[in-house]
Amino acid sequence: MTGLRVQSIGPSVTVQDQGRLGFVASGLSRGGAVDLLALSEGAALLGQGDDLAALEMAGFGGVFQAECDLRIALTGAVMQASLNGAALRWNASHAVPKGAELRIGAASSGGYGYLHLGGGIDAPVVMRARSTHLNSQIGDRVAEGDLLPVGEDPGGPVGQVLDVATREDGGTVRMVRSFQTPLFAPDELTRFEATVFHRDMRGNRMGVQLNPDGAGFQAEGGLTVLSEIIMIGDVQMTGDGAPFVLLPEAQTTGGYPRIGSVLPCDLPKLVQARPDAPLRFVFVEMEEALAAERAFAAHLIDLPRHITPLVRAPGDVPDLLTYQLISGVARGDEEH
């Protein structure tokens, strides 16, 4: 078994894939990557399926040493990254030779960065997935000395960059109404859509609190809500009236009133927003929500078309002399 050896690591780094579907009735939420779009972007850069596992890094990465030749891709929140001291481009794929040192530091913006390996991280499969689910004690955080085993990589190009629209600047997040939306008075719903929110730094894989510019929001009869099923993206209103957006490792049932549910295609924008980035919510009808989800699914399929070669300065290419830079050279005395 070979792969990427962990020399040092940040406090909240886990192996994640698309998560576990079909276990909510048994009390296990989906889990998986917080930013599923970043998972698909890395897969596109490496030319492989987005069902493979990658390393999810919350705010900070680590130091790694390659125990074999590897292909990697870096997506999600932009982090400081270098290979043997040379800076690496984010949202791009790179070759990592055996013995090389890969360093991934703090995020310059956003919340979750992703390190993808060609062939994926070959972590054990538990309940049809390789993802770590901390609340259910399936797997654990990555630790110093761990080996991240690499799956079989059929190979492919590296030095590719993906044109990615920024999702760290906040913006408008679309929601659909739920059965509990009517618990909030019409003027509260209007004020909710007019309010600017900012992502709280204390979020985790269970959810993230959003702080409103102004007073919190209260539901009529909120204390009498019965506990019922929870979905990823549900927006609970806690006791102080601040919305709490539920993420992949949220509980499967809850009794806080929920004002609505964020569209899955807009969750990446919310979880990657900088703490100072403004966020607004807007309710949309189900027809518009389904159209948005269809457009998002089409975008994921289309990702490979947005990949272009990564042009590097000659001084940044450590093995420059191994490349055939000129071909078709002639002596000049041949007949044509």
C-alpha atoms as a PDB file:
ATOM      1  CA  MET A   1       0.000   0.000   0.000  1.00  0.00           C
ATOM      2  CA  THR A   2       1.343   3.413  -0.923  1.00  0.00           C
ATOM      3  CA  GLY A   3       0.131   6.969  -1.205  1.00  0.00           C
ATOM      4  CA  LEU A   4       0.600  10.257   0.642  1.00  0.00           C
ATOM      5  CA  ARG A   5       2.206  10.276   4.105  1.00  0.00           C
ATOM      6  CA  VAL A   6       0.980  12.874   6.608  1.00  0.00           C
ATOM      7  CA  GLN A   7       3.866  14.691   8.288  1.00  0.00           C
ATOM      8  CA  SER A   8       1.756  17.308  10.056  1.00  0.00           C
ATOM      9  CA  ILE A   9      -1.920  18.158   9.809  1.00  0.00           C
ATOM     10  CA  GLY A  10      -4.506  20.792  10.685  1.00  0.00           C
ATOM     11  CA  PRO A  11      -7.143  20.179  13.365  1.00  0.00           C
ATOM     12  CA  SER A  12     -10.133  19.510  11.112  1.00  0.00           C
ATOM     13  CA  VAL A  13      -9.031  17.409   8.147  1.00  0.00           C
ATOM     14  CA  THR A  14     -11.075  14.372   7.124  1.00  0.00           C
ATOM     15  CA  VAL A  15     -11.522  11.999   4.200  1.00  0.00           C
ATOM     16  CA  GLN A  16     -14.786  12.722   2.395  1.00  0.00           C
ATOM     17  CA  ASP A  17     -16.737  11.557  -0.631  1.00  0.00           C
ATOM     18  CA  GLN A  18     -20.379  12.061  -1.613  1.00  0.00           C
ATOM     19  CA  GLY A  19     -21.562  10.484   1.626  1.00  0.00           C
ATOM     20  CA  ARG A  20     -24.023   7.754   2.578  1.00  0.00           C
ATOM     21  CA  LEU A  21     -27.514   7.794   1.147  1.00  0.00           C
ATOM     22  CA  GLY A  22     -30.401   5.765   2.512  1.00  0.00           C
ATOM     23  CA  PHE A  23     -29.603   5.698   6.231  1.00  0.00           C
ATOM     24  CA  VAL A  24     -31.600   8.678   7.543  1.00  0.00           C
ATOM     25  CA  ALA A  25     -34.335   6.385   8.841  1.00  0.00           C
ATOM     26  CA  SER A  26     -31.650   4.647  10.917  1.00  0.00           C
ATOM     27  CA  GLY A  27     -30.477   7.948  12.392  1.00  0.00           C
ATOM     28  CA  LEU A  28     -27.412   8.478  10.164  1.00  0.00           C
ATOM     29  CA  SER A  29     -27.248  11.674   8.120  1.00  0.00           C
ATOM     30  CA  ARG A  30     -25.684  11.677   4.674  1.00  0.00           C
ATOM     31  CA  GLY A  31     -22.314  13.112   5.668  1.00  0.00           C
ATOM     32  CA  GLY A  32     -19.800  13.472   2.860  1.00  0.00           C
ATOM     33  CA  ALA A  33     -18.143  16.610   1.536  1.00  0.00           C
ATOM     34  CA  VAL A  34     -19.520  19.945   2.698  1.00  0.00           C
ATOM     35  CA  ASP A  35     -18.844  21.417  -0.764  1.00  0.00           C
ATOM     36  CA  LEU A  36     -19.929  18.768  -3.265  1.00  0.00           C
ATOM     37  CA  LEU A  37     -19.192  21.160  -6.133  1.00  0.00           C
ATOM     38  CA  ALA A  38     -15.512  21.228  -5.121  1.00  0.00           C
ATOM     39  CA  LEU A  39     -15.543  17.421  -5.126  1.00  0.00           C
ATOM     40  CA  SER A  40     -16.786  17.399  -8.732  1.00  0.00           C
ATOM     41  CA  GLU A  41     -14.310  20.101  -9.764  1.00  0.00           C
ATOM     42  CA  GLY A  42     -11.374  18.022  -8.534  1.00  0.00           C
ATOM     43  CA  ALA A  43     -12.695  14.951 -10.305  1.00  0.00           C
ATOM     44  CA  ALA A  44     -12.959  16.895 -13.560  1.00  0.00           C
ATOM     45  CA  LEU A  45      -9.383  18.159 -13.247  1.00  0.00           C
ATOM     46  CA  LEU A  46      -8.100  14.588 -12.844  1.00  0.00           C
ATOM     47  CA  GLY A  47     -10.476  13.036 -15.358  1.00  0.00           C
ATOM     48  CA  GLN A  48     -12.069  10.646 -12.877  1.00  0.00           C
ATOM     49  CA  GLY A  49     -15.408  10.010 -11.208  1.00  0.00           C
ATOM     50  CA  ASP A  50     -16.678  12.389  -8.532  1.00  0.00           C
ATOM     51  CA  ASP A  51     -17.595   9.412  -6.347  1.00  0.00           C
ATOM     52  CA  LEU A  52     -13.949   9.013  -5.264  1.00  0.00           C
ATOM     53  CA  ALA A  53     -12.783  10.184  -1.836  1.00  0.00           C
ATOM     54  CA  ALA A  54     -10.703  13.319  -1.309  1.00  0.00           C
ATOM     55  CA  LEU A  55      -9.229  15.168   1.651  1.00  0.00           C
ATOM     56  CA  GLU A  56     -11.459  17.883   3.112  1.00  0.00           C
ATOM     57  CA  MET A  57      -9.498  20.597   4.923  1.00  0.00           C
ATOM     58  CA  ALA A  58     -11.435  23.003   7.142  1.00  0.00           C
ATOM     59  CA  GLY A  59      -9.428  26.218   7.206  1.00  0.00           C
ATOM     60  CA  PHE A  60      -5.951  24.628   7.243  1.00  0.00           C
ATOM     61  CA  GLY A  61      -4.186  21.756   5.475  1.00  0.00           C
ATOM     62  CA  GLY A  62      -0.915  20.099   6.434  1.00  0.00           C
ATOM     63  CA  VAL A  63       2.437  18.791   5.237  1.00  0.00           C
ATOM     64  CA  PHE A  64       2.577  15.594   3.189  1.00  0.00           C
ATOM     65  CA  GLN A  65       5.241  13.466   1.506  1.00  0.00           C
ATOM     66  CA  ALA A  66       4.567  11.429  -1.620  1.00  0.00           C
ATOM     67  CA  GLU A  67       5.518   7.749  -1.265  1.00  0.00           C
ATOM     68  CA  CYS A  68       4.913   7.207  -4.991  1.00  0.00           C
ATOM     69  CA  ASP A  69       4.382   9.334  -8.093  1.00  0.00           C
ATOM     70  CA  LEU A  70       0.989  11.003  -7.772  1.00  0.00           C
ATOM     71  CA  ARG A  71      -1.412  13.250  -9.586  1.00  0.00           C
ATOM     72  CA  ILE A  72      -3.254  15.769  -7.410  1.00  0.00           C
ATOM     73  CA  ALA A  73      -5.837  18.504  -7.784  1.00  0.00           C
ATOM     74  CA  LEU A  74      -6.644  21.383  -5.445  1.00  0.00           C
ATOM     75  CA  THR A  75     -10.162  22.848  -5.252  1.00  0.00           C
ATOM     76  CA  GLY A  76     -12.572  24.613  -2.916  1.00  0.00           C
ATOM     77  CA  ALA A  77     -11.384  27.359  -0.560  1.00  0.00           C
ATOM     78  CA  VAL A  78      -8.076  28.754  -1.825  1.00  0.00           C
ATOM     79  CA  MET A  79      -5.184  27.788   0.470  1.00  0.00           C
ATOM     80  CA  GLN A  80      -1.460  28.463   0.405  1.00  0.00           C
ATOM     81  CA  ALA A  81       0.104  25.473  -1.354  1.00  0.00           C
ATOM     82  CA  SER A  82       3.621  24.538  -2.452  1.00  0.00           C
ATOM     83  CA  LEU A  83       5.509  21.536  -3.814  1.00  0.00           C
ATOM     84  CA  ASN A  84       9.148  21.335  -2.708  1.00  0.00           C
ATOM     85  CA  GLY A  85       8.933  25.062  -1.983  1.00  0.00           C
ATOM     86  CA  ALA A  86       7.457  26.083  -5.346  1.00  0.00           C
ATOM     87  CA  ALA A  87       4.001  27.676  -5.202  1.00  0.00           C
ATOM     88  CA  LEU A  88       1.100  25.683  -6.647  1.00  0.00           C
ATOM     89  CA  ARG A  89      -1.906  27.074  -8.468  1.00  0.00           C
ATOM     90  CA  TRP A  90      -5.291  26.405  -6.892  1.00  0.00           C
ATOM     91  CA  ASN A  91      -8.174  24.988  -8.933  1.00  0.00           C
ATOM     92  CA  ALA A  92      -5.558  23.103 -10.912  1.00  0.00           C
ATOM     93  CA  SER A  93      -3.962  19.673 -11.261  1.00  0.00           C
ATOM     94  CA  HIS A  94      -0.281  18.914 -10.642  1.00  0.00           C
ATOM     95  CA  ALA A  95       2.231  16.068 -10.824  1.00  0.00           C
ATOM     96  CA  VAL A  96       3.784  15.118  -7.488  1.00  0.00           C
ATOM     97  CA  PRO A  97       6.881  12.917  -7.863  1.00  0.00           C
ATOM     98  CA  LYS A  98       7.841  10.283  -5.323  1.00  0.00           C
ATOM     99  CA  GLY A  99       9.604  11.836  -2.328  1.00  0.00           C
ATOM    100  CA  ALA A 100       8.252  15.350  -2.937  1.00  0.00           C
ATOM    101  CA  GLU A 101       6.936  17.451  -0.068  1.00  0.00           C
ATOM    102  CA  LEU A 102       3.506  19.003  -0.445  1.00  0.00           C
ATOM    103  CA  ARG A 103       2.549  21.831   1.894  1.00  0.00           C
ATOM    104  CA  ILE A 104      -0.972  23.208   2.242  1.00  0.00           C
ATOM    105  CA  GLY A 105      -1.392  26.075   4.670  1.00  0.00           C
ATOM    106  CA  ALA A 106      -4.207  28.348   5.767  1.00  0.00           C
ATOM    107  CA  ALA A 107      -7.160  29.323   3.615  1.00  0.00           C
ATOM    108  CA  SER A 108      -6.877  32.820   2.230  1.00  0.00           C
ATOM    109  CA  SER A 109     -10.645  32.848   1.723  1.00  0.00           C
ATOM    110  CA  GLY A 110     -13.506  30.400   2.008  1.00  0.00           C
ATOM    111  CA  GLY A 111     -14.046  27.625   4.512  1.00  0.00           C
ATOM    112  CA  TYR A 112     -13.235  24.200   3.014  1.00  0.00           C
ATOM    113  CA  GLY A 113     -10.372  23.247   0.706  1.00  0.00           C
ATOM    114  CA  TYR A 114      -9.979  19.872  -1.011  1.00  0.00           C
ATOM    115  CA  LEU A 115      -6.949  17.786  -1.955  1.00  0.00           C
ATOM    116  CA  HIS A 116      -7.725  15.150  -4.579  1.00  0.00           C
ATOM    117  CA  LEU A 117      -5.509  12.209  -5.577  1.00  0.00           C
ATOM    118  CA  GLY A 118      -5.507  10.512  -8.944  1.00  0.00           C
ATOM    119  CA  GLY A 119      -7.331   7.256  -8.172  1.00  0.00           C
ATOM    120  CA  GLY A 120      -8.908   8.745  -5.044  1.00  0.00           C
ATOM    121  CA  ILE A 121      -8.087   8.062  -1.403  1.00  0.00           C
ATOM    122  CA  ASP A 122      -8.533   4.322  -0.897  1.00  0.00           C
ATOM    123  CA  ALA A 123      -9.969   4.519   2.628  1.00  0.00           C
ATOM    124  CA  PRO A 124     -12.021   1.578   3.959  1.00  0.00           C
ATOM    125  CA  VAL A 125     -15.604   1.352   2.705  1.00  0.00           C
ATOM    126  CA  VAL A 126     -18.110   1.479   5.581  1.00  0.00           C
ATOM    127  CA  MET A 127     -21.823   1.394   4.775  1.00  0.00           C
ATOM    128  CA  ARG A 128     -21.195   1.992   1.074  1.00  0.00           C
ATOM    129  CA  ALA A 129     -18.937   5.045   1.481  1.00  0.00           C
ATOM    130  CA  ARG A 130     -15.395   6.012   2.452  1.00  0.00           C
ATOM    131  CA  SER A 131     -16.317   9.314   4.086  1.00  0.00           C
ATOM    132  CA  THR A 132     -15.595  10.099   7.708  1.00  0.00           C
ATOM    133  CA  HIS A 133     -18.695  10.810   9.828  1.00  0.00           C
ATOM    134  CA  LEU A 134     -17.336  12.188  13.085  1.00  0.00           C
ATOM    135  CA  ASN A 135     -20.643  12.360  14.973  1.00  0.00           C
ATOM    136  CA  SER A 136     -21.315   8.695  14.276  1.00  0.00           C
ATOM    137  CA  GLN A 137     -17.701   7.691  14.941  1.00  0.00           C
ATOM    138  CA  ILE A 138     -17.232   6.343  11.435  1.00  0.00           C
ATOM    139  CA  GLY A 139     -13.590   7.050  10.739  1.00  0.00           C
ATOM    140  CA  ASP A 140     -11.610   9.814  12.421  1.00  0.00           C
ATOM    141  CA  ARG A 141      -9.771  13.030  11.700  1.00  0.00           C
ATOM    142  CA  VAL A 142      -6.554  12.625   9.741  1.00  0.00           C
ATOM    143  CA  ALA A 143      -3.558  12.486  12.116  1.00  0.00           C
ATOM    144  CA  GLU A 144       0.191  12.968  11.874  1.00  0.00           C
ATOM    145  CA  GLY A 145       1.857   9.807  10.589  1.00  0.00           C
ATOM    146  CA  ASP A 146      -1.218   8.539   8.730  1.00  0.00           C
ATOM    147  CA  LEU A 147      -0.863   7.154   5.229  1.00  0.00           C
ATOM    148  CA  LEU A 148      -3.499   8.291   2.771  1.00  0.00           C
ATOM    149  CA  PRO A 149      -3.598   5.251   0.485  1.00  0.00           C
ATOM    150  CA  VAL A 150      -4.098   6.007  -3.185  1.00  0.00           C
ATOM    151  CA  GLY A 151      -6.446   4.008  -5.367  1.00  0.00           C
ATOM    152  CA  GLU A 152      -5.561   2.751  -8.818  1.00  0.00           C
ATOM    153  CA  ASP A 153      -4.932   5.749 -11.083  1.00  0.00           C
ATOM    154  CA  PRO A 154      -5.234   5.075 -14.818  1.00  0.00           C
ATOM    155  CA  GLY A 155      -3.251   8.271 -15.374  1.00  0.00           C
ATOM    156  CA  GLY A 156      -4.038  11.363 -17.348  1.00  0.00           C
ATOM    157  CA  PRO A 157      -2.909  14.899 -17.962  1.00  0.00           C
ATOM    158  CA  VAL A 158      -1.727  17.275 -15.252  1.00  0.00           C
ATOM    159  CA  GLY A 159      -0.928  20.954 -15.434  1.00  0.00           C
ATOM    160  CA  GLN A 160      -4.610  21.700 -16.046  1.00  0.00           C
ATOM    161  CA  VAL A 161      -6.570  24.617 -14.604  1.00  0.00           C
ATOM    162  CA  LEU A 162     -10.325  24.935 -14.147  1.00  0.00           C
ATOM    163  CA  ASP A 163     -12.124  28.222 -14.662  1.00  0.00           C
ATOM    164  CA  VAL A 164     -14.123  28.478 -11.422  1.00  0.00           C
ATOM    165  CA  ALA A 165     -16.546  31.242 -10.506  1.00  0.00           C
ATOM    166  CA  THR A 166     -15.761  32.610  -7.067  1.00  0.00           C
ATOM    167  CA  ARG A 167     -18.084  31.543  -4.273  1.00  0.00           C
ATOM    168  CA  GLU A 168     -16.319  33.294  -1.386  1.00  0.00           C
ATOM    169  CA  ASP A 169     -17.995  36.664  -1.971  1.00  0.00           C
ATOM    170  CA  GLY A 170     -21.427  35.698  -0.665  1.00  0.00           C
ATOM    171  CA  GLY A 171     -24.485  36.807  -2.605  1.00  0.00           C
ATOM    172  CA  THR A 172     -28.060  35.623  -2.852  1.00  0.00           C
ATOM    173  CA  VAL A 173     -28.975  32.152  -1.572  1.00  0.00           C
ATOM    174  CA  ARG A 174     -32.222  30.606  -2.839  1.00  0.00           C
ATOM    175  CA  MET A 175     -34.620  28.750  -0.533  1.00  0.00           C
ATOM    176  CA  VAL A 176     -37.859  26.842  -0.750  1.00  0.00           C
ATOM    177  CA  ARG A 177     -40.590  27.034   1.856  1.00  0.00           C
ATOM    178  CA  SER A 178     -41.227  24.139   4.216  1.00  0.00           C
ATOM    179  CA  PHE A 179     -44.162  22.935   6.305  1.00  0.00           C
ATOM    180  CA  GLN A 180     -42.930  25.182   9.133  1.00  0.00           C
ATOM    181  CA  THR A 181     -42.519  28.378   7.090  1.00  0.00           C
ATOM    182  CA  PRO A 182     -46.099  29.475   8.009  1.00  0.00           C
ATOM    183  CA  LEU A 183     -45.024  29.536  11.677  1.00  0.00           C
ATOM    184  CA  PHE A 184     -43.264  32.799  10.829  1.00  0.00           C
ATOM    185  CA  ALA A 185     -45.479  35.861  10.421  1.00  0.00           C
ATOM    186  CA  PRO A 186     -45.548  37.448   6.937  1.00  0.00           C
ATOM    187  CA  ASP A 187     -43.692  40.541   8.127  1.00  0.00           C
ATOM    188  CA  GLU A 188     -40.975  38.310   9.640  1.00  0.00           C
ATOM    189  CA  LEU A 189     -40.579  36.510   6.306  1.00  0.00           C
ATOM    190  CA  THR A 190     -40.334  39.831   4.490  1.00  0.00           C
ATOM    191  CA  ARG A 191     -37.726  41.084   6.956  1.00  0.00           C
ATOM    192  CA  PHE A 192     -35.817  37.803   6.618  1.00  0.00           C
ATOM    193  CA  GLU A 193     -35.461  38.274   2.867  1.00  0.00           C
ATOM    194  CA  ALA A 194     -34.417  41.912   3.347  1.00  0.00           C
ATOM    195  CA  THR A 195     -31.763  41.152   5.981  1.00  0.00           C
ATOM    196  CA  VAL A 196     -28.026  40.839   5.299  1.00  0.00           C
ATOM    197  CA  PHE A 197     -26.330  37.908   7.064  1.00  0.00           C
ATOM    198  CA  HIS A 198     -22.697  36.965   7.645  1.00  0.00           C
ATOM    199  CA  ARG A 199     -21.291  33.486   8.193  1.00  0.00           C
ATOM    200  CA  ASP A 200     -20.193  32.827  11.766  1.00  0.00           C
ATOM    201  CA  MET A 201     -16.653  31.453  12.204  1.00  0.00           C
ATOM    202  CA  ARG A 202     -17.887  28.795  14.652  1.00  0.00           C
ATOM    203  CA  GLY A 203     -19.513  26.551  12.053  1.00  0.00           C
ATOM    204  CA  ASN A 204     -18.602  22.900  11.629  1.00  0.00           C
ATOM    205  CA  ARG A 205     -19.739  19.901   9.576  1.00  0.00           C
ATOM    206  CA  MET A 206     -23.056  19.823  11.465  1.00  0.00           C
ATOM    207  CA  GLY A 207     -24.010  23.333  10.458  1.00  0.00           C
ATOM    208  CA  VAL A 208     -23.122  26.998  10.392  1.00  0.00           C
ATOM    209  CA  GLN A 209     -24.743  29.930  12.148  1.00  0.00           C
ATOM    210  CA  LEU A 210     -25.517  33.070  10.182  1.00  0.00           C
ATOM    211  CA  ASN A 211     -25.482  36.364  12.053  1.00  0.00           C
ATOM    212  CA  PRO A 212     -28.121  38.898  10.964  1.00  0.00           C
ATOM    213  CA  ASP A 213     -27.541  42.622  10.669  1.00  0.00           C
ATOM    214  CA  GLY A 214     -30.272  43.399  13.182  1.00  0.00           C
ATOM    215  CA  ALA A 215     -32.647  41.506  15.419  1.00  0.00           C
ATOM    216  CA  GLY A 216     -33.198  37.760  15.208  1.00  0.00           C
ATOM    217  CA  PHE A 217     -36.325  36.017  13.938  1.00  0.00           C
ATOM    218  CA  GLN A 218     -39.015  34.317  15.971  1.00  0.00           C
ATOM    219  CA  ALA A 219     -41.687  31.804  15.031  1.00  0.00           C
ATOM    220  CA  GLU A 220     -45.176  31.837  16.478  1.00  0.00           C
ATOM    221  CA  GLY A 221     -45.522  28.744  18.647  1.00  0.00           C
ATOM    222  CA  GLY A 222     -41.902  27.821  18.002  1.00  0.00           C
ATOM    223  CA  LEU A 223     -41.570  26.123  21.379  1.00  0.00           C
ATOM    224  CA  THR A 224     -44.312  23.610  20.550  1.00  0.00           C
ATOM    225  CA  VAL A 225     -42.776  22.294  17.304  1.00  0.00           C
ATOM    226  CA  LEU A 226     -42.565  18.499  17.276  1.00  0.00           C
ATOM    227  CA  SER A 227     -39.281  16.840  16.390  1.00  0.00           C
ATOM    228  CA  GLU A 228     -39.323  15.670  12.769  1.00  0.00           C
ATOM    229  CA  ILE A 229     -36.988  14.721   9.958  1.00  0.00           C
ATOM    230  CA  ILE A 230     -34.120  17.094   9.095  1.00  0.00           C
ATOM    231  CA  MET A 231     -32.724  17.693   5.617  1.00  0.00           C
ATOM    232  CA  ILE A 232     -29.329  19.107   4.639  1.00  0.00           C
ATOM    233  CA  GLY A 233     -29.829  22.799   3.916  1.00  0.00           C
ATOM    234  CA  ASP A 234     -32.702  23.247   6.388  1.00  0.00           C
ATOM    235  CA  VAL A 235     -32.542  26.635   8.125  1.00  0.00           C
ATOM    236  CA  GLN A 236     -33.372  26.277  11.797  1.00  0.00           C
ATOM    237  CA  MET A 237     -34.136  29.287  13.943  1.00  0.00           C
ATOM    238  CA  THR A 238     -32.505  28.784  17.345  1.00  0.00           C
ATOM    239  CA  GLY A 239     -33.510  30.419  20.616  1.00  0.00           C
ATOM    240  CA  ASP A 240     -31.733  33.727  19.925  1.00  0.00           C
ATOM    241  CA  GLY A 241     -33.381  34.046  16.515  1.00  0.00           C
ATOM    242  CA  ALA A 242     -30.227  33.512  14.473  1.00  0.00           C
ATOM    243  CA  PRO A 243     -30.569  31.085  11.546  1.00  0.00           C
ATOM    244  CA  PHE A 244     -28.527  27.887  11.643  1.00  0.00           C
ATOM    245  CA  VAL A 245     -28.035  26.180   8.265  1.00  0.00           C
ATOM    246  CA  LEU A 246     -27.745  22.409   8.659  1.00  0.00           C
ATOM    247  CA  LEU A 247     -24.877  20.655   6.867  1.00  0.00           C
ATOM    248  CA  PRO A 248     -23.965  17.017   6.034  1.00  0.00           C
ATOM    249  CA  GLU A 249     -23.401  15.782   9.597  1.00  0.00           C
ATOM    250  CA  ALA A 250     -26.485  17.385  11.113  1.00  0.00           C
ATOM    251  CA  GLN A 251     -28.821  15.354  13.273  1.00  0.00           C
ATOM    252  CA  THR A 252     -31.573  13.533  11.398  1.00  0.00           C
ATOM    253  CA  THR A 253     -34.447  14.957  13.476  1.00  0.00           C
ATOM    254  CA  GLY A 254     -34.975  18.277  15.231  1.00  0.00           C
ATOM    255  CA  GLY A 255     -37.525  20.429  17.000  1.00  0.00           C
ATOM    256  CA  TYR A 256     -36.376  23.972  16.260  1.00  0.00           C
ATOM    257  CA  PRO A 257     -38.682  25.807  13.825  1.00  0.00           C
ATOM    258  CA  ARG A 258     -37.341  25.876  10.268  1.00  0.00           C
ATOM    259  CA  ILE A 259     -38.006  28.866   8.085  1.00  0.00           C
ATOM    260  CA  GLY A 260     -37.155  27.007   4.875  1.00  0.00           C
ATOM    261  CA  SER A 261     -34.486  24.983   3.108  1.00  0.00           C
ATOM    262  CA  VAL A 262     -31.540  26.169   0.985  1.00  0.00           C
ATOM    263  CA  LEU A 263     -31.306  24.732  -2.524  1.00  0.00           C
ATOM    264  CA  PRO A 264     -28.468  22.155  -2.690  1.00  0.00           C
ATOM    265  CA  CYS A 265     -26.936  23.992  -5.639  1.00  0.00           C
ATOM    266  CA  ASP A 266     -26.548  27.161  -3.520  1.00  0.00           C
ATOM    267  CA  LEU A 267     -24.999  25.494  -0.462  1.00  0.00           C
ATOM    268  CA  PRO A 268     -21.408  25.782  -1.840  1.00  0.00           C
ATOM    269  CA  LYS A 269     -21.825  29.558  -1.987  1.00  0.00           C
ATOM    270  CA  LEU A 270     -23.008  29.644   1.611  1.00  0.00           C
ATOM    271  CA  VAL A 271     -20.384  27.350   3.170  1.00  0.00           C
ATOM    272  CA  GLN A 272     -17.490  28.996   1.295  1.00  0.00           C
ATOM    273  CA  ALA A 273     -18.499  32.609   1.991  1.00  0.00           C
ATOM    274  CA  ARG A 274     -15.939  34.713   3.822  1.00  0.00           C
ATOM    275  CA  PRO A 275     -17.071  35.828   7.295  1.00  0.00           C
ATOM    276  CA  ASP A 276     -17.293  39.430   6.027  1.00  0.00           C
ATOM    277  CA  ALA A 277     -19.138  38.489   2.818  1.00  0.00           C
ATOM    278  CA  PRO A 278     -22.829  39.513   2.723  1.00  0.00           C
ATOM    279  CA  LEU A 279     -25.431  36.789   2.294  1.00  0.00           C
ATOM    280  CA  ARG A 280     -29.116  37.285   1.501  1.00  0.00           C
ATOM    281  CA  PHE A 281     -31.935  34.751   1.286  1.00  0.00           C
ATOM    282  CA  VAL A 282     -34.739  34.710  -1.235  1.00  0.00           C
ATOM    283  CA  PHE A 283     -37.687  32.299  -1.393  1.00  0.00           C
ATOM    284  CA  VAL A 284     -38.343  30.698  -4.779  1.00  0.00           C
ATOM    285  CA  GLU A 285     -41.172  28.508  -5.973  1.00  0.00           C
ATOM    286  CA  MET A 286     -40.613  24.776  -6.452  1.00  0.00           C
ATOM    287  CA  GLU A 287     -40.625  25.046 -10.261  1.00  0.00           C
ATOM    288  CA  GLU A 288     -37.755  27.555 -10.163  1.00  0.00           C
ATOM    289  CA  ALA A 289     -35.894  25.437  -7.607  1.00  0.00           C
ATOM    290  CA  LEU A 290     -36.120  22.316  -9.781  1.00  0.00           C
ATOM    291  CA  ALA A 291     -34.947  24.277 -12.826  1.00  0.00           C
ATOM    292  CA  ALA A 292     -31.962  25.567 -10.834  1.00  0.00           C
ATOM    293  CA  GLU A 293     -31.053  22.044  -9.753  1.00  0.00           C
ATOM    294  CA  ARG A 294     -31.280  20.774 -13.328  1.00  0.00           C
ATOM    295  CA  ALA A 295     -29.018  23.599 -14.492  1.00  0.00           C
ATOM    296  CA  PHE A 296     -26.548  22.762 -11.717  1.00  0.00           C
ATOM    297  CA  ALA A 297     -26.484  19.091 -12.715  1.00  0.00           C
ATOM    298  CA  ALA A 298     -25.803  20.135 -16.312  1.00  0.00           C
ATOM    299  CA  HIS A 299     -22.977  22.397 -15.095  1.00  0.00           C
ATOM    300  CA  LEU A 300     -21.306  19.461 -13.318  1.00  0.00           C
ATOM    301  CA  ILE A 301     -21.420  17.415 -16.519  1.00  0.00           C
ATOM    302  CA  ASP A 302     -19.984  20.362 -18.451  1.00  0.00           C
ATOM    303  CA  LEU A 303     -17.036  20.983 -16.090  1.00  0.00           C
ATOM    304  CA  PRO A 304     -14.414  19.286 -18.326  1.00  0.00           C
ATOM    305  CA  ARG A 305     -15.118  21.842 -21.063  1.00  0.00           C
ATOM    306  CA  HIS A 306     -13.901  24.615 -18.755  1.00  0.00           C
ATOM    307  CA  ILE A 307     -10.456  23.050 -18.251  1.00  0.00           C
ATOM    308  CA  THR A 308      -7.450  24.610 -19.990  1.00  0.00           C
ATOM    309  CA  PRO A 309      -3.675  23.970 -19.846  1.00  0.00           C
ATOM    310  CA  LEU A 310      -1.886  25.672 -16.989  1.00  0.00           C
ATOM    311  CA  VAL A 311       0.834  27.879 -18.510  1.00  0.00           C
ATOM    312  CA  ARG A 312       3.837  28.102 -16.199  1.00  0.00           C
ATOM    313  CA  ALA A 313       6.810  30.419 -16.203  1.00  0.00           C
ATOM    314  CA  PRO A 314      10.042  28.542 -17.128  1.00  0.00           C
ATOM    315  CA  GLY A 315      11.581  29.366 -13.765  1.00  0.00           C
ATOM    316  CA  ASP A 316       8.713  27.567 -12.008  1.00  0.00           C
ATOM    317  CA  VAL A 317       9.333  24.249 -13.817  1.00  0.00           C
ATOM    318  CA  PRO A 318      11.878  22.264 -11.741  1.00  0.00           C
ATOM    319  CA  ASP A 319      12.391  19.609 -14.445  1.00  0.00           C
ATOM    320  CA  LEU A 320      12.447  22.006 -17.391  1.00  0.00           C
ATOM    321  CA  LEU A 321      15.426  20.314 -19.099  1.00  0.00           C
ATOM    322  CA  THR A 322      13.538  17.024 -19.360  1.00  0.00           C
ATOM    323  CA  TYR A 323      10.976  18.571 -21.715  1.00  0.00           C
ATOM    324  CA  GLN A 324      11.359  18.470 -25.505  1.00  0.00           C
ATOM    325  CA  LEU A 325      10.947  22.182 -26.098  1.00  0.00           C
ATOM    326  CA  ILE A 326      11.857  22.135 -29.812  1.00  0.00           C
ATOM    327  CA  SER A 327      10.915  19.472 -32.306  1.00  0.00           C
ATOM    328  CA  GLY A 328      11.456  19.086 -36.027  1.00  0.00           C
ATOM    329  CA  VAL A 329      14.957  20.621 -35.984  1.00  0.00           C
ATOM    330  CA  ALA A 330      16.854  20.267 -39.281  1.00  0.00           C
ATOM    331  CA  ARG A 331      20.469  20.906 -40.354  1.00  0.00           C
ATOM    332  CA  GLY A 332      19.309  23.253 -43.054  1.00  0.00           C
ATOM    333  CA  ASP A 333      20.816  21.410 -46.028  1.00  0.00           C
ATOM    334  CA  GLU A 334      17.952  18.997 -46.636  1.00  0.00           C
ATOM    335  CA  GLU A 335      15.981  19.159 -49.860  1.00  0.00           C
ATOM    336  CA  HIS A 336      12.278  20.022 -49.571  1.00  0.00           C
END
